[in-house]
Every structure is written in C-alpha cells, then in structure tokens.
C-alpha cells in the first residue's frame, strides 16, 4: 500500500503537480521540507477529491478515512480493472460432443465412453437388462418399469429420485462399460451406442 508519508520529497512534488494541473493551479518546483510537502500534498488531494469524489472528501474531513486509504482504494480498483481488461475471457471448449435438446435425464450433451466395451457379468441382472433395453433405445417409462421390477424383487423401494438413478446408471454404462449415448431429437429416447 502506498502512503503519502512513504513518498520522497521529489515524488510528492510530482503528485502535487499532477493534482494542481487538473485543478488549474500553479505547480511547485520543490518544498521547503518533508513535513510541509506531506501537508500541502494532502491538502491538494482533498481539494482534488472534492471535485472528483465529494463523498470521499467528506469522509476524509470527518476523519472516517485517510487520504492514503482513498488513494489505495482507487489504485486497487484501477489494478483490478486493468487485470480484468488484460485477461482474455476464458471460453470453455467442448470435447467434440454434439449439443442436442435436453433429454429426459437432464443431459444437454451426449456422453462419450472410452469405446472398449466390457461385457456385463450377468445378462439377467438389472444392469444387463438395462443395457439390453438401452441398446434398442429406451424411454423414461421403460427404464422406470425396470427399476420398479428391481425394487419389487429386492423387497424395498429406493427413495432416490428415479431420474437420478437412471442418470447414474447411464453414466456407469458410459464410464465403466465404454458405451456412449445418443438421444432422439425430441430427447425422449436414449440409446447406448458404440463408437469406434
């Protein structure tokens, strides 16, 4: 943080003259001593603030803020604005996925699996039946019926939202088993596909 007290007499002359120029006052060549330099520079800064930022000038006169605090807050704001201007806006790139309408699982983009398809150990398990259903193209109702049968078989009811359960299962099929997804244009049918 910059403080008026920390500036050299030469720097104070420069700061004083900048403020004097903008106020239409006569510049100085030097100050008699450091104490008078600080006092006069502080005074002209307050006069300058009265024209540019009257609220800050009132706070200084009331003793709520110092000139140093006002200067540093202005420098911080300028630095933040300069940094924001200098940094290019970051554009998030998609990884060659086509954007489609939001499907019933809430996905805007298709999921790409790794392509090395793994076989399900038990074809008659819930996962096996779901993969078989999704390979042909499944709707929300068809997957809901499959989950209802599975809950009935287990003798309980999973309290999680069915769409969340369906989404998690499809993600497992893509991330673990290597499938990718494809949705119909209306977003009502999801199909598992294999990419080569």
C-alpha atoms as a PDB file:
ATOM      1  CA  UNK A   1       0.000   0.000   0.000  1.00  0.00           C
ATOM      2  CA  UNK A   2       1.234   3.452  -0.881  1.00  0.00           C
ATOM      3  CA  UNK A   3       1.362   6.089   1.841  1.00  0.00           C
ATOM      4  CA  UNK A   4       1.983   9.796   1.371  1.00  0.00           C
ATOM      5  CA  UNK A   5       4.427   9.597   4.279  1.00  0.00           C
ATOM      6  CA  UNK A   6       6.494   6.982   2.409  1.00  0.00           C
ATOM      7  CA  UNK A   7       6.960   9.078  -0.736  1.00  0.00           C
ATOM      8  CA  UNK A   8      10.155  11.041  -1.226  1.00  0.00           C
ATOM      9  CA  UNK A   9      10.001  14.827  -1.494  1.00  0.00           C
ATOM     10  CA  UNK A  10      10.592  14.573  -5.261  1.00  0.00           C
ATOM     11  CA  UNK A  11       7.696  12.111  -5.617  1.00  0.00           C
ATOM     12  CA  UNK A  12       5.481  14.407  -3.525  1.00  0.00           C
ATOM     13  CA  UNK A  13       6.311  17.303  -5.881  1.00  0.00           C
ATOM     14  CA  UNK A  14       5.232  15.139  -8.828  1.00  0.00           C
ATOM     15  CA  UNK A  15       1.967  14.095  -7.121  1.00  0.00           C
ATOM     16  CA  UNK A  16       1.243  17.661  -6.041  1.00  0.00           C
ATOM     17  CA  UNK A  17       1.812  18.983  -9.567  1.00  0.00           C
ATOM     18  CA  UNK A  18      -0.489  16.340 -11.123  1.00  0.00           C
ATOM     19  CA  UNK A  19      -3.312  17.378  -8.798  1.00  0.00           C
ATOM     20  CA  UNK A  20      -2.514  21.096  -9.285  1.00  0.00           C
ATOM     21  CA  UNK A  21      -2.603  20.723 -13.083  1.00  0.00           C
ATOM     22  CA  UNK A  22      -6.032  19.070 -13.015  1.00  0.00           C
ATOM     23  CA  UNK A  23      -7.312  21.801 -10.663  1.00  0.00           C
ATOM     24  CA  UNK A  24      -5.776  24.591 -12.786  1.00  0.00           C
ATOM     25  CA  UNK A  25      -3.361  25.676 -10.063  1.00  0.00           C
ATOM     26  CA  UNK A  26       0.259  26.729 -10.250  1.00  0.00           C
ATOM     27  CA  UNK A  27       2.811  23.854  -9.992  1.00  0.00           C
ATOM     28  CA  UNK A  28       5.707  23.876  -7.493  1.00  0.00           C
ATOM     29  CA  UNK A  29       9.391  23.214  -8.102  1.00  0.00           C
ATOM     30  CA  UNK A  30      10.201  21.996  -4.597  1.00  0.00           C
ATOM     31  CA  UNK A  31       9.039  22.040  -0.979  1.00  0.00           C
ATOM     32  CA  UNK A  32      10.949  23.540   1.935  1.00  0.00           C
ATOM     33  CA  UNK A  33      10.893  20.278   3.889  1.00  0.00           C
ATOM     34  CA  UNK A  34       9.195  16.857   4.034  1.00  0.00           C
ATOM     35  CA  UNK A  35       6.625  17.948   6.648  1.00  0.00           C
ATOM     36  CA  UNK A  36       5.323  20.817   4.522  1.00  0.00           C
ATOM     37  CA  UNK A  37       5.433  18.609   1.404  1.00  0.00           C
ATOM     38  CA  UNK A  38       3.177  15.995   3.072  1.00  0.00           C
ATOM     39  CA  UNK A  39       0.834  18.667   4.450  1.00  0.00           C
ATOM     40  CA  UNK A  40       0.437  20.545   1.143  1.00  0.00           C
ATOM     41  CA  UNK A  41       0.121  17.364  -0.954  1.00  0.00           C
ATOM     42  CA  UNK A  42      -2.561  16.041   1.418  1.00  0.00           C
ATOM     43  CA  UNK A  43      -4.390  19.372   1.222  1.00  0.00           C
ATOM     44  CA  UNK A  44      -4.372  19.472  -2.587  1.00  0.00           C
ATOM     45  CA  UNK A  45      -5.503  15.835  -2.740  1.00  0.00           C
ATOM     46  CA  UNK A  46      -8.526  16.733  -0.610  1.00  0.00           C
ATOM     47  CA  UNK A  47      -9.281  19.666  -2.933  1.00  0.00           C
ATOM     48  CA  UNK A  48      -8.896  17.346  -5.921  1.00  0.00           C
ATOM     49  CA  UNK A  49     -11.242  14.787  -4.332  1.00  0.00           C
ATOM     50  CA  UNK A  50     -13.876  17.450  -3.709  1.00  0.00           C
ATOM     51  CA  UNK A  51     -14.143  17.913  -7.475  1.00  0.00           C
ATOM     52  CA  UNK A  52     -13.883  14.205  -8.439  1.00  0.00           C
ATOM     53  CA  UNK A  53     -15.295  12.326  -5.449  1.00  0.00           C
ATOM     54  CA  UNK A  54     -17.097  14.594  -2.948  1.00  0.00           C
ATOM     55  CA  UNK A  55     -18.183  11.665  -0.747  1.00  0.00           C
ATOM     56  CA  UNK A  56     -14.568  10.574  -0.201  1.00  0.00           C
ATOM     57  CA  UNK A  57     -13.537  14.166   0.554  1.00  0.00           C
ATOM     58  CA  UNK A  58     -16.280  14.394   3.210  1.00  0.00           C
ATOM     59  CA  UNK A  59     -15.094  11.136   4.798  1.00  0.00           C
ATOM     60  CA  UNK A  60     -11.527  12.452   4.983  1.00  0.00           C
ATOM     61  CA  UNK A  61     -12.645  15.728   6.555  1.00  0.00           C
ATOM     62  CA  UNK A  62     -14.809  13.812   9.050  1.00  0.00           C
ATOM     63  CA  UNK A  63     -11.837  11.597   9.924  1.00  0.00           C
ATOM     64  CA  UNK A  64     -13.538   8.386   8.723  1.00  0.00           C
ATOM     65  CA  UNK A  65     -10.849   7.789   6.077  1.00  0.00           C
ATOM     66  CA  UNK A  66      -7.331   8.965   5.407  1.00  0.00           C
ATOM     67  CA  UNK A  67      -6.016  10.259   2.112  1.00  0.00           C
ATOM     68  CA  UNK A  68      -3.848   7.130   1.911  1.00  0.00           C
ATOM     69  CA  UNK A  69      -6.922   4.872   2.168  1.00  0.00           C
ATOM     70  CA  UNK A  70      -8.687   6.769  -0.607  1.00  0.00           C
ATOM     71  CA  UNK A  71      -5.604   6.639  -2.835  1.00  0.00           C
ATOM     72  CA  UNK A  72      -5.072   2.932  -2.215  1.00  0.00           C
ATOM     73  CA  UNK A  73      -8.736   2.072  -2.828  1.00  0.00           C
ATOM     74  CA  UNK A  74      -8.535   3.933  -6.136  1.00  0.00           C
ATOM     75  CA  UNK A  75      -5.292   2.173  -7.076  1.00  0.00           C
ATOM     76  CA  UNK A  76      -6.799  -1.208  -6.176  1.00  0.00           C
ATOM     77  CA  UNK A  77      -9.857  -0.504  -8.334  1.00  0.00           C
ATOM     78  CA  UNK A  78      -7.652   0.582 -11.255  1.00  0.00           C
ATOM     79  CA  UNK A  79      -5.454  -2.501 -10.892  1.00  0.00           C
ATOM     80  CA  UNK A  80      -8.494  -4.784 -10.788  1.00  0.00           C
ATOM     81  CA  UNK A  81      -9.955  -3.130 -13.903  1.00  0.00           C
ATOM     82  CA  UNK A  82      -6.611  -3.345 -15.720  1.00  0.00           C
ATOM     83  CA  UNK A  83      -6.254  -7.024 -14.797  1.00  0.00           C
ATOM     84  CA  UNK A  84      -9.779  -7.798 -15.991  1.00  0.00           C
ATOM     85  CA  UNK A  85      -9.101  -5.954 -19.243  1.00  0.00           C
ATOM     86  CA  UNK A  86      -5.738  -7.685 -19.777  1.00  0.00           C
ATOM     87  CA  UNK A  87      -7.003 -11.225 -19.136  1.00  0.00           C
ATOM     88  CA  UNK A  88      -8.782 -12.775 -22.086  1.00  0.00           C
ATOM     89  CA  UNK A  89     -12.162 -14.246 -21.335  1.00  0.00           C
ATOM     90  CA  UNK A  90     -11.946 -17.980 -20.973  1.00  0.00           C
ATOM     91  CA  UNK A  91     -14.106 -19.953 -23.341  1.00  0.00           C
ATOM     92  CA  UNK A  92     -14.915 -23.460 -22.258  1.00  0.00           C
ATOM     93  CA  UNK A  93     -14.337 -25.846 -25.111  1.00  0.00           C
ATOM     94  CA  UNK A  94     -16.455 -28.930 -25.530  1.00  0.00           C
ATOM     95  CA  UNK A  95     -14.719 -32.166 -26.361  1.00  0.00           C
ATOM     96  CA  UNK A  96     -16.218 -32.812 -29.795  1.00  0.00           C
ATOM     97  CA  UNK A  97     -19.680 -33.525 -28.424  1.00  0.00           C
ATOM     98  CA  UNK A  98     -22.773 -32.538 -30.285  1.00  0.00           C
ATOM     99  CA  UNK A  99     -25.209 -30.387 -28.356  1.00  0.00           C
ATOM    100  CA  UNK A 100     -28.769 -31.640 -28.564  1.00  0.00           C
ATOM    101  CA  UNK A 101     -32.032 -30.865 -26.865  1.00  0.00           C
ATOM    102  CA  UNK A 102     -32.131 -31.694 -23.158  1.00  0.00           C
ATOM    103  CA  UNK A 103     -33.166 -35.322 -22.823  1.00  0.00           C
ATOM    104  CA  UNK A 104     -35.285 -36.750 -20.029  1.00  0.00           C
ATOM    105  CA  UNK A 105     -32.213 -37.358 -17.862  1.00  0.00           C
ATOM    106  CA  UNK A 106     -31.382 -33.662 -17.994  1.00  0.00           C
ATOM    107  CA  UNK A 107     -28.260 -34.082 -20.149  1.00  0.00           C
ATOM    108  CA  UNK A 108     -27.591 -31.366 -22.718  1.00  0.00           C
ATOM    109  CA  UNK A 109     -24.694 -33.212 -24.302  1.00  0.00           C
ATOM    110  CA  UNK A 110     -24.182 -36.776 -25.229  1.00  0.00           C
ATOM    111  CA  UNK A 111     -21.780 -38.788 -23.087  1.00  0.00           C
ATOM    112  CA  UNK A 112     -18.803 -40.343 -24.812  1.00  0.00           C
ATOM    113  CA  UNK A 113     -17.490 -43.565 -23.399  1.00  0.00           C
ATOM    114  CA  UNK A 114     -13.985 -44.891 -23.874  1.00  0.00           C
ATOM    115  CA  UNK A 115     -15.102 -47.332 -26.574  1.00  0.00           C
ATOM    116  CA  UNK A 116     -13.613 -50.523 -25.091  1.00  0.00           C
ATOM    117  CA  UNK A 117     -16.901 -52.266 -24.453  1.00  0.00           C
ATOM    118  CA  UNK A 118     -16.936 -54.521 -21.394  1.00  0.00           C
ATOM    119  CA  UNK A 119     -19.486 -57.287 -21.099  1.00  0.00           C
ATOM    120  CA  UNK A 120     -21.860 -57.376 -18.143  1.00  0.00           C
ATOM    121  CA  UNK A 121     -21.137 -60.429 -15.979  1.00  0.00           C
ATOM    122  CA  UNK A 122     -24.799 -61.431 -15.580  1.00  0.00           C
ATOM    123  CA  UNK A 123     -27.067 -60.719 -18.528  1.00  0.00           C
ATOM    124  CA  UNK A 124     -30.206 -61.233 -16.416  1.00  0.00           C
ATOM    125  CA  UNK A 125     -29.113 -58.673 -13.778  1.00  0.00           C
ATOM    126  CA  UNK A 126     -30.690 -55.231 -13.649  1.00  0.00           C
ATOM    127  CA  UNK A 127     -27.648 -53.741 -15.371  1.00  0.00           C
ATOM    128  CA  UNK A 128     -27.733 -56.424 -18.040  1.00  0.00           C
ATOM    129  CA  UNK A 129     -31.439 -55.837 -18.688  1.00  0.00           C
ATOM    130  CA  UNK A 130     -30.939 -52.055 -18.714  1.00  0.00           C
ATOM    131  CA  UNK A 131     -28.086 -52.311 -21.238  1.00  0.00           C
ATOM    132  CA  UNK A 132     -30.195 -54.546 -23.456  1.00  0.00           C
ATOM    133  CA  UNK A 133     -33.083 -52.093 -23.219  1.00  0.00           C
ATOM    134  CA  UNK A 134     -30.860 -49.033 -23.868  1.00  0.00           C
ATOM    135  CA  UNK A 135     -29.117 -50.644 -26.849  1.00  0.00           C
ATOM    136  CA  UNK A 136     -32.511 -50.807 -28.531  1.00  0.00           C
ATOM    137  CA  UNK A 137     -33.431 -47.283 -27.349  1.00  0.00           C
ATOM    138  CA  UNK A 138     -35.278 -46.716 -24.101  1.00  0.00           C
ATOM    139  CA  UNK A 139     -37.754 -44.152 -22.848  1.00  0.00           C
ATOM    140  CA  UNK A 140     -38.169 -42.857 -19.319  1.00  0.00           C
ATOM    141  CA  UNK A 141     -41.229 -45.073 -18.799  1.00  0.00           C
ATOM    142  CA  UNK A 142     -39.400 -48.237 -19.875  1.00  0.00           C
ATOM    143  CA  UNK A 143     -36.471 -47.554 -17.542  1.00  0.00           C
ATOM    144  CA  UNK A 144     -38.926 -46.648 -14.748  1.00  0.00           C
ATOM    145  CA  UNK A 145     -40.674 -50.017 -15.147  1.00  0.00           C
ATOM    146  CA  UNK A 146     -37.308 -51.795 -14.980  1.00  0.00           C
ATOM    147  CA  UNK A 147     -36.415 -50.020 -11.733  1.00  0.00           C
ATOM    148  CA  UNK A 148     -39.865 -50.771 -10.273  1.00  0.00           C
ATOM    149  CA  UNK A 149     -39.385 -54.501 -11.024  1.00  0.00           C
ATOM    150  CA  UNK A 150     -35.935 -54.402  -9.470  1.00  0.00           C
ATOM    151  CA  UNK A 151     -37.267 -52.713  -6.307  1.00  0.00           C
ATOM    152  CA  UNK A 152     -40.086 -55.248  -6.099  1.00  0.00           C
ATOM    153  CA  UNK A 153     -37.625 -58.117  -6.458  1.00  0.00           C
ATOM    154  CA  UNK A 154     -35.469 -56.732  -3.646  1.00  0.00           C
ATOM    155  CA  UNK A 155     -38.469 -56.173  -1.406  1.00  0.00           C
ATOM    156  CA  UNK A 156     -37.878 -52.471  -0.922  1.00  0.00           C
ATOM    157  CA  UNK A 157     -38.148 -49.129  -2.572  1.00  0.00           C
ATOM    158  CA  UNK A 158     -35.139 -46.951  -3.320  1.00  0.00           C
ATOM    159  CA  UNK A 159     -36.124 -43.482  -2.121  1.00  0.00           C
ATOM    160  CA  UNK A 160     -33.887 -41.632  -4.551  1.00  0.00           C
ATOM    161  CA  UNK A 161     -35.415 -39.797  -7.475  1.00  0.00           C
ATOM    162  CA  UNK A 162     -35.854 -42.305 -10.347  1.00  0.00           C
ATOM    163  CA  UNK A 163     -34.342 -39.887 -12.876  1.00  0.00           C
ATOM    164  CA  UNK A 164     -31.217 -39.589 -10.746  1.00  0.00           C
ATOM    165  CA  UNK A 165     -30.970 -43.379 -10.560  1.00  0.00           C
ATOM    166  CA  UNK A 166     -31.378 -43.637 -14.343  1.00  0.00           C
ATOM    167  CA  UNK A 167     -28.777 -40.930 -14.930  1.00  0.00           C
ATOM    168  CA  UNK A 168     -26.279 -42.638 -12.600  1.00  0.00           C
ATOM    169  CA  UNK A 169     -26.815 -45.958 -14.357  1.00  0.00           C
ATOM    170  CA  UNK A 170     -26.282 -44.444 -17.805  1.00  0.00           C
ATOM    171  CA  UNK A 171     -23.091 -42.743 -16.551  1.00  0.00           C
ATOM    172  CA  UNK A 172     -21.819 -46.109 -15.286  1.00  0.00           C
ATOM    173  CA  UNK A 173     -22.542 -47.664 -18.667  1.00  0.00           C
ATOM    174  CA  UNK A 174     -20.515 -44.931 -20.350  1.00  0.00           C
ATOM    175  CA  UNK A 175     -17.629 -44.597 -17.893  1.00  0.00           C
ATOM    176  CA  UNK A 176     -17.181 -48.220 -16.846  1.00  0.00           C
ATOM    177  CA  UNK A 177     -18.571 -50.308 -19.690  1.00  0.00           C
ATOM    178  CA  UNK A 178     -17.415 -47.989 -22.523  1.00  0.00           C
ATOM    179  CA  UNK A 179     -20.726 -47.146 -24.211  1.00  0.00           C
ATOM    180  CA  UNK A 180     -21.685 -43.693 -25.480  1.00  0.00           C
ATOM    181  CA  UNK A 181     -25.146 -42.134 -25.523  1.00  0.00           C
ATOM    182  CA  UNK A 182     -27.298 -40.846 -28.343  1.00  0.00           C
ATOM    183  CA  UNK A 183     -30.639 -39.112 -27.853  1.00  0.00           C
ATOM    184  CA  UNK A 184     -33.551 -38.733 -30.178  1.00  0.00           C
ATOM    185  CA  UNK A 185     -34.166 -35.201 -31.447  1.00  0.00           C
ATOM    186  CA  UNK A 186     -37.090 -34.721 -29.073  1.00  0.00           C
ATOM    187  CA  UNK A 187     -34.987 -36.013 -26.146  1.00  0.00           C
ATOM    188  CA  UNK A 188     -37.462 -38.743 -25.198  1.00  0.00           C
ATOM    189  CA  UNK A 189     -35.395 -41.784 -26.203  1.00  0.00           C
ATOM    190  CA  UNK A 190     -31.831 -42.562 -25.130  1.00  0.00           C
ATOM    191  CA  UNK A 191     -29.779 -45.185 -26.897  1.00  0.00           C
ATOM    192  CA  UNK A 192     -26.424 -46.686 -25.976  1.00  0.00           C
ATOM    193  CA  UNK A 193     -24.069 -46.761 -28.944  1.00  0.00           C
ATOM    194  CA  UNK A 194     -20.535 -47.992 -29.513  1.00  0.00           C
ATOM    195  CA  UNK A 195     -18.011 -45.618 -31.039  1.00  0.00           C
ATOM    196  CA  UNK A 196     -15.063 -46.858 -32.979  1.00  0.00           C
END
